[in-house]
Amino acid sequence: MMRESFLWRSPLLFPMTTRTEPLPFDGQPIFVAQDDGQWREAGLRGYGYNSATGYQYKVAYQDDGTIQAGILSAKIKTFAEALAENIVENVYDLTSSAAVDQMVAAHNEWRARYGVGPVVWDGAIAEYAQAWAEHLSSQNLRGHRPNCDYGENIAYASGKMLSSAAVVDLWGNEVHDYDYASNSCAAGKVCGHYTQVVWKNSTKIGCGMARTADGKEVWVCNYDPKGNFVGQKPY
């Protein structure tokens, strides 16, 4: 399954919108038309106004984090517009089969990089994860479930929307702070989310997410069998 945050679709197929008001900084992704026909997912970082060209924006692209400034508002689609025009490919919750598929695919992509077998989705584990995500969200708390039956990864966001692919990448990119030879994290760094994602003995996952009205997100994934046992390498 593709995990790119854009589709190969010419922007000329869609009418461009000239905007008279600045785009809202509401944490939702936007989509920027590229000269080569791509729509790339991005987040707003700032804007200015020119009397000749109107509003211009600075964005950070989701796929590689690069920054681009001076983008005319006519080349940008809001999240709602992109959804309506089938530009959005990633999913931003776990309420559909497509969302579940993307979460599993994101895990298995990371696992395949290290020669680790795939995981499959487990509905009961997902309900378990969802309950903890809702508890943390409703109480404005952070932390792992006490005496958790499974391995557990948690991600938080505020002021932006995460997709399942982005969540797993947050965890997977901890590999940069992990040393396989010593099976340890770099000093002052965290890498246990990564090692759980690629833990070879884990074969089932279930995940949940909760989002508050003011845009705070909690994502929880549980893993069976659990990983991160002291003295054992993930693969």
Protein backbone atom coordinates (compact mmCIF):
# COMPACT_ATOMS: atom_id res chain seq x y z
CA MET A 1 0.00 0.00 0.00
CA MET A 2 1.27 3.46 -0.88
CA ARG A 3 2.15 5.72 2.03
CA GLU A 4 3.14 8.91 0.23
CA SER A 5 1.26 11.97 1.43
CA PHE A 6 0.35 13.06 -2.09
CA LEU A 7 -1.22 11.72 -5.24
CA TRP A 8 0.11 11.99 -8.77
CA ARG A 9 -2.67 14.20 -10.07
CA SER A 10 -2.31 17.33 -12.14
CA PRO A 11 -3.42 20.49 -10.34
CA LEU A 12 -4.87 21.67 -13.64
CA LEU A 13 -7.63 19.11 -13.14
CA PHE A 14 -8.90 21.12 -10.18
CA PRO A 15 -9.99 24.77 -10.15
CA MET A 16 -7.67 27.00 -8.15
CA THR A 17 -9.19 29.28 -5.55
CA THR A 18 -8.27 32.93 -5.13
CA ARG A 19 -8.67 33.69 -1.43
CA THR A 20 -9.55 37.02 0.11
CA GLU A 21 -8.95 35.88 3.70
CA PRO A 22 -5.88 34.17 5.20
CA LEU A 23 -6.01 30.42 5.67
CA PRO A 24 -6.70 29.41 9.29
CA PHE A 25 -3.90 28.01 11.44
CA ASP A 26 -6.16 25.25 12.73
CA GLY A 27 -3.69 22.38 12.82
CA GLN A 28 -5.21 20.68 9.80
CA PRO A 29 -2.93 19.73 6.90
CA ILE A 30 -3.04 21.61 3.63
CA PHE A 31 -2.15 20.47 0.13
CA VAL A 32 0.14 22.41 -2.21
CA ALA A 33 0.12 22.13 -6.01
CA GLN A 34 3.61 21.48 -7.38
CA ASP A 35 4.96 22.49 -10.78
CA ASP A 36 5.36 18.83 -11.79
CA GLY A 37 1.72 17.98 -11.11
CA GLN A 38 1.89 16.67 -7.55
CA TRP A 39 -0.19 17.64 -4.58
CA ARG A 40 2.01 17.58 -1.49
CA GLU A 41 0.72 17.51 2.05
CA ALA A 42 2.10 20.25 4.28
CA GLY A 43 1.54 22.30 7.41
CA LEU A 44 1.25 26.07 7.53
CA ARG A 45 4.15 27.91 9.17
CA GLY A 46 3.44 31.56 8.39
CA TYR A 47 2.05 34.01 5.86
CA GLY A 48 2.40 37.50 4.47
CA TYR A 49 0.44 39.76 2.17
CA ASN A 50 1.44 41.43 -1.10
CA SER A 51 -0.94 43.89 -2.71
CA ALA A 52 -0.05 42.56 -6.16
CA THR A 53 -0.27 38.81 -5.46
CA GLY A 54 -2.40 38.52 -2.31
CA TYR A 55 -1.60 36.16 0.56
CA GLN A 56 1.61 34.14 0.38
CA TYR A 57 2.44 31.26 2.71
CA LYS A 58 5.37 29.45 4.27
CA VAL A 59 4.78 25.71 4.60
CA ALA A 60 6.59 22.63 5.91
CA TYR A 61 6.08 19.53 3.77
CA GLN A 62 4.97 16.38 5.53
CA ASP A 63 7.00 13.93 3.45
CA ASP A 64 10.47 15.35 4.10
CA GLY A 65 10.11 18.36 6.42
CA THR A 66 11.44 20.87 3.89
CA ILE A 67 10.28 24.48 4.13
CA GLN A 68 9.02 26.54 1.22
CA ALA A 69 7.99 30.19 1.36
CA GLY A 70 6.16 32.50 -1.04
CA ILE A 71 3.42 30.07 -2.05
CA LEU A 72 0.38 31.81 -3.47
CA SER A 73 -2.91 30.96 -1.81
CA ALA A 74 -4.36 29.90 -5.18
CA LYS A 75 -1.97 26.91 -5.16
CA ILE A 76 -3.19 25.65 -1.78
CA LYS A 77 -6.18 23.51 -0.89
CA THR A 78 -7.48 23.24 2.64
CA PHE A 79 -7.99 19.84 4.21
CA ALA A 80 -11.75 20.05 3.60
CA GLU A 81 -11.24 21.00 -0.05
CA ALA A 82 -8.71 18.23 -0.55
CA LEU A 83 -11.06 15.68 1.01
CA ALA A 84 -13.89 16.80 -1.26
CA GLU A 85 -11.66 16.44 -4.33
CA ASN A 86 -10.13 13.08 -3.35
CA ILE A 87 -6.64 14.51 -3.03
CA VAL A 88 -6.14 13.28 0.53
CA GLU A 89 -4.61 9.83 0.71
CA ASN A 90 -3.60 9.48 4.36
CA VAL A 91 -6.17 8.99 7.10
CA TYR A 92 -6.33 10.92 10.35
CA ASP A 93 -8.24 8.64 12.70
CA LEU A 94 -8.82 4.90 13.14
CA THR A 95 -12.53 4.68 12.37
CA SER A 96 -12.38 3.03 8.94
CA SER A 97 -10.93 -0.07 7.34
CA ALA A 98 -8.65 2.19 5.31
CA ALA A 99 -7.31 3.67 8.53
CA VAL A 100 -6.65 0.23 9.98
CA ASP A 101 -4.96 -0.87 6.77
CA GLN A 102 -2.67 2.16 6.82
CA MET A 103 -1.69 1.64 10.44
CA VAL A 104 -0.80 -2.00 9.78
CA ALA A 105 1.01 -1.12 6.56
CA ALA A 106 3.01 1.60 8.30
CA HIS A 107 4.17 -0.88 10.94
CA ASN A 108 5.00 -3.56 8.40
CA GLU A 109 6.98 -1.17 6.25
CA TRP A 110 9.25 -0.41 9.19
CA ARG A 111 9.46 -4.07 10.15
CA ALA A 112 10.37 -5.13 6.62
CA ARG A 113 13.34 -2.76 6.65
CA TYR A 114 14.92 -4.91 9.34
CA GLY A 115 13.87 -8.31 8.06
CA VAL A 116 11.10 -8.71 10.63
CA GLY A 117 7.85 -10.49 9.81
CA PRO A 118 4.54 -8.64 9.56
CA VAL A 119 1.94 -7.90 12.21
CA VAL A 120 -1.83 -8.20 11.81
CA TRP A 121 -4.68 -6.21 13.35
CA ASP A 122 -6.53 -7.57 16.37
CA GLY A 123 -9.91 -6.03 17.17
CA ALA A 124 -9.85 -6.86 20.87
CA ILE A 125 -6.42 -5.29 21.28
CA ALA A 126 -7.66 -2.23 19.38
CA GLU A 127 -10.56 -1.82 21.83
CA TYR A 128 -8.07 -2.07 24.69
CA ALA A 129 -5.89 0.64 23.11
CA GLN A 130 -8.88 2.86 22.32
CA ALA A 131 -10.05 2.77 25.93
CA TRP A 132 -6.68 4.01 27.16
CA ALA A 133 -6.48 6.72 24.48
CA GLU A 134 -9.90 8.00 25.54
CA HIS A 135 -8.94 7.89 29.22
CA LEU A 136 -5.79 9.94 28.65
CA SER A 137 -7.60 12.38 26.40
CA SER A 138 -10.60 12.92 28.68
CA GLN A 139 -8.39 13.45 31.74
CA ASN A 140 -5.72 15.48 29.90
CA LEU A 141 -3.12 12.97 31.08
CA ARG A 142 0.03 11.39 29.72
CA GLY A 143 1.44 8.00 30.57
CA HIS A 144 1.34 4.27 29.98
CA ARG A 145 -1.41 2.03 31.26
CA PRO A 146 -0.41 0.49 34.60
CA ASN A 147 0.09 -3.28 34.42
CA CYS A 148 -0.55 -3.23 30.69
CA ASP A 149 -1.30 -6.62 29.17
CA TYR A 150 0.61 -5.74 26.01
CA GLY A 151 3.52 -3.76 24.67
CA GLU A 152 2.49 -0.13 24.32
CA ASN A 153 3.49 2.89 22.26
CA ILE A 154 1.90 6.31 22.74
CA ALA A 155 2.13 9.50 20.68
CA TYR A 156 0.76 12.95 21.45
CA ALA A 157 0.09 15.97 19.27
CA SER A 158 -1.31 19.44 19.85
CA GLY A 159 -2.15 21.98 17.19
CA LYS A 160 -1.74 19.56 14.30
CA MET A 161 -3.38 16.44 12.94
CA LEU A 162 -1.39 13.22 12.71
CA SER A 163 -2.00 10.39 10.29
CA SER A 164 -1.30 6.78 11.15
CA ALA A 165 1.73 6.87 8.88
CA ALA A 166 3.07 9.96 10.66
CA VAL A 167 2.53 8.38 14.08
CA VAL A 168 4.47 5.23 13.21
CA ASP A 169 7.22 7.31 11.60
CA LEU A 170 7.57 9.27 14.85
CA TRP A 171 8.26 5.99 16.61
CA GLY A 172 10.32 4.41 13.84
CA ASN A 173 12.63 7.39 13.43
CA GLU A 174 13.94 6.75 16.93
CA VAL A 175 16.20 4.26 15.13
CA HIS A 176 18.62 7.18 14.72
CA ASP A 177 19.16 7.09 18.49
CA TYR A 178 19.45 3.29 18.75
CA ASP A 179 22.67 1.28 18.69
CA TYR A 180 22.05 -2.34 17.76
CA ALA A 181 25.47 -3.62 18.86
CA SER A 182 24.94 -2.46 22.43
CA ASN A 183 21.13 -2.69 22.26
CA SER A 184 20.90 0.74 23.85
CA CYS A 185 19.67 4.27 23.22
CA ALA A 186 21.95 7.26 22.81
CA ALA A 187 22.54 9.20 26.01
CA GLY A 188 19.47 11.21 26.95
CA LYS A 189 17.43 9.81 24.05
CA VAL A 190 14.40 7.51 23.78
CA CYS A 191 14.32 4.58 21.36
CA GLY A 192 11.93 2.09 22.96
CA HIS A 193 9.06 3.03 20.67
CA TYR A 194 11.18 2.02 17.69
CA THR A 195 12.27 -1.29 19.20
CA GLN A 196 8.64 -2.16 19.97
CA VAL A 197 7.54 -1.36 16.41
CA VAL A 198 10.16 -3.80 15.04
CA TRP A 199 10.10 -6.37 17.88
CA LYS A 200 10.28 -9.66 16.01
CA ASN A 201 8.11 -11.67 18.41
CA SER A 202 5.17 -9.26 18.22
CA THR A 203 2.65 -10.55 15.70
CA LYS A 204 -0.56 -8.62 16.51
CA ILE A 205 -1.35 -4.96 17.04
CA GLY A 206 -4.37 -2.89 17.93
CA CYS A 207 -4.45 0.89 18.09
CA GLY A 208 -6.74 3.70 19.19
CA MET A 209 -6.79 7.47 19.04
CA ALA A 210 -8.74 10.30 20.66
CA ARG A 211 -8.90 13.95 19.67
CA THR A 212 -10.24 16.78 21.82
CA ALA A 213 -12.24 19.75 20.55
CA ASP A 214 -9.17 21.98 20.90
CA GLY A 215 -7.02 19.72 18.73
CA LYS A 216 -5.08 17.61 21.24
CA GLU A 217 -4.47 14.07 20.03
CA VAL A 218 -3.51 10.83 21.78
CA TRP A 219 -2.55 7.74 19.77
CA VAL A 220 -2.05 4.37 21.49
CA CYS A 221 -0.84 1.13 19.92
CA ASN A 222 -0.64 -2.14 21.82
CA TYR A 223 1.45 -5.14 20.74
CA ASP A 224 1.10 -8.87 21.38
CA PRO A 225 3.33 -10.48 22.46
CA LYS A 226 4.87 -7.45 24.15
CA GLY A 227 8.47 -6.47 23.48
CA ASN A 228 11.31 -4.48 25.01
CA PHE A 229 12.53 -7.13 27.43
CA VAL A 230 15.75 -6.21 29.18
CA GLY A 231 18.76 -7.97 27.67
CA GLN A 232 16.96 -8.98 24.47
CA LYS A 233 17.48 -7.41 21.07
CA PRO A 234 14.39 -6.57 18.99
CA TYR A 235 15.51 -8.76 16.04
